[in-house]
Protein backbone atom coordinates (compact mmCIF):
# COMPACT_ATOMS: atom_id res chain seq x y z
CA MET A 1 19.69 -2.03 1.89
CA ASP A 2 19.35 -5.70 2.23
CA ARG A 3 16.84 -7.69 3.64
CA SER A 4 18.29 -8.25 6.83
CA ASP A 5 19.18 -4.54 7.23
CA LYS A 6 15.56 -3.70 6.92
CA VAL A 7 14.48 -6.15 9.53
CA PHE A 8 17.27 -4.74 12.03
CA LYS A 9 16.20 -1.16 11.25
CA ALA A 10 12.23 -1.85 11.68
CA LEU A 11 13.13 -4.01 15.17
CA ALA A 12 15.27 -0.98 16.45
CA ASP A 13 12.25 1.07 17.08
CA PRO A 14 10.51 0.15 20.49
CA ASN A 15 6.93 1.29 18.95
CA ARG A 16 7.36 -1.10 15.88
CA ARG A 17 8.33 -3.77 18.42
CA GLU A 18 5.11 -3.01 20.12
CA LEU A 19 3.14 -3.38 17.13
CA ILE A 20 4.67 -6.75 16.37
CA ASP A 21 4.13 -7.69 19.72
CA ARG A 22 0.30 -6.80 19.52
CA LEU A 23 0.13 -8.88 16.33
CA HIS A 24 1.72 -11.61 17.57
CA ALA A 25 -0.92 -11.42 20.40
CA GLN A 26 -3.99 -11.00 18.11
CA ASN A 27 -3.09 -11.52 14.27
CA GLY A 28 -5.36 -9.82 11.83
CA GLN A 29 -5.92 -6.60 13.40
CA THR A 30 -7.11 -3.22 11.30
CA LEU A 31 -5.10 0.03 11.71
CA GLY A 32 -7.63 1.31 14.08
CA GLU A 33 -7.47 -1.71 16.67
CA LEU A 34 -3.73 -1.35 16.48
CA CYS A 35 -3.85 2.53 17.36
CA LYS A 36 -5.90 1.84 20.58
CA GLY A 37 -4.02 2.56 23.38
CA LEU A 38 -0.78 3.23 21.82
CA GLY A 39 -0.69 7.17 22.32
CA MET A 40 0.76 8.12 19.12
CA ALA A 41 -0.86 9.66 16.00
CA ARG A 42 -2.79 7.26 13.37
CA GLN A 43 -0.20 8.66 10.87
CA SER A 44 2.56 7.43 12.88
CA VAL A 45 1.32 4.17 13.20
CA THR A 46 0.75 3.94 9.56
CA GLN A 47 4.59 4.81 9.07
CA HIS A 48 5.70 2.27 11.49
CA LEU A 49 3.67 -0.38 9.85
CA GLY A 50 4.94 0.99 6.32
CA LEU A 51 8.33 0.21 7.56
CA LEU A 52 7.57 -3.24 9.37
CA GLU A 53 5.73 -4.30 5.90
CA ASP A 54 8.89 -3.23 3.77
CA ALA A 55 10.76 -5.42 6.08
CA ASN A 56 8.45 -8.18 5.49
CA LEU A 57 7.62 -8.46 9.17
CA ILE A 58 3.85 -7.86 8.56
CA SER A 59 1.73 -8.70 5.63
CA VAL A 60 -1.52 -7.34 4.99
CA GLN A 61 -5.00 -8.71 3.60
CA TRP A 62 -7.81 -6.55 2.29
CA ARG A 63 -11.42 -7.50 3.86
CA GLY A 64 -13.66 -5.13 1.78
CA ARG A 65 -12.31 -1.84 2.64
CA GLU A 66 -10.60 -3.13 5.98
CA LYS A 67 -6.77 -3.62 5.64
CA LEU A 68 -5.73 -6.31 8.11
CA HIS A 69 -2.31 -6.73 9.45
CA TYR A 70 -0.63 -10.12 10.21
CA PHE A 71 2.90 -10.80 11.74
CA ASN A 72 5.30 -12.84 9.73
CA PRO A 73 7.78 -14.48 12.01
CA VAL A 74 10.05 -15.99 9.04
CA PRO A 75 12.58 -12.63 8.92
CA ILE A 76 13.21 -13.06 12.71
CA HIS A 77 13.59 -16.59 12.38
CA GLU A 78 16.26 -16.05 9.73
CA ILE A 79 18.00 -13.49 11.80
CA TYR A 80 17.89 -16.17 14.74
CA GLU A 81 19.57 -19.05 12.26
CA ARG A 82 22.13 -16.52 10.92
CA TRP A 83 22.88 -14.45 13.89
CA ILE A 84 22.06 -16.16 17.29
CA ARG A 85 21.94 -19.98 16.85
CA LYS A 86 25.65 -20.41 15.96
CA PHE A 87 26.73 -18.27 18.86
CA GLU A 88 24.15 -20.27 21.12
CA LYS A 89 25.55 -23.60 20.62
CA GLU A 90 28.81 -22.90 22.09
CA ARG A 91 27.35 -21.27 24.84
CA LEU A 92 25.16 -24.00 25.65
CA GLU A 93 27.87 -26.42 25.61
CA ALA A 94 29.97 -24.10 27.94
CA LEU A 95 27.27 -24.27 30.23
CA HIS A 96 26.62 -27.95 30.26
CA ASN A 97 30.34 -28.72 30.34
CA LEU A 98 30.33 -26.24 33.67
CA LYS A 99 27.14 -28.08 35.29
CA THR A 100 28.86 -31.38 34.76
CA ARG A 101 32.16 -30.38 36.39
CA LEU A 102 30.42 -28.82 39.43
CA GLU A 103 28.20 -31.77 39.79
CA ARG A 104 31.06 -34.19 39.85
CA LYS A 105 32.76 -32.07 42.76
CA ARG A 106 29.96 -32.22 44.80
CA PRO A 107 30.23 -34.39 47.81
């Protein structure tokens, strides 16, 4: 499985997206902090974090005995560059052209 496949697989699960959102809001959380309010077992959160780490969407840093988790936006940016940006340009140009035509027709 290549890198982008791992990112797509990791992002396909709503629980993993929730973990990414939590880390985006507050980077550097421990497993215990990430588990609060999730309603899933600690082991499940650990498995989700492992997939996110394997996809390079999070990185970890040890602080003594604590493992801190950090969001890494680079793989998402790479997907944006490869899969979204090129399609977005044409759509934005079409919307701009439509807006321009409609504004010319106004009395």
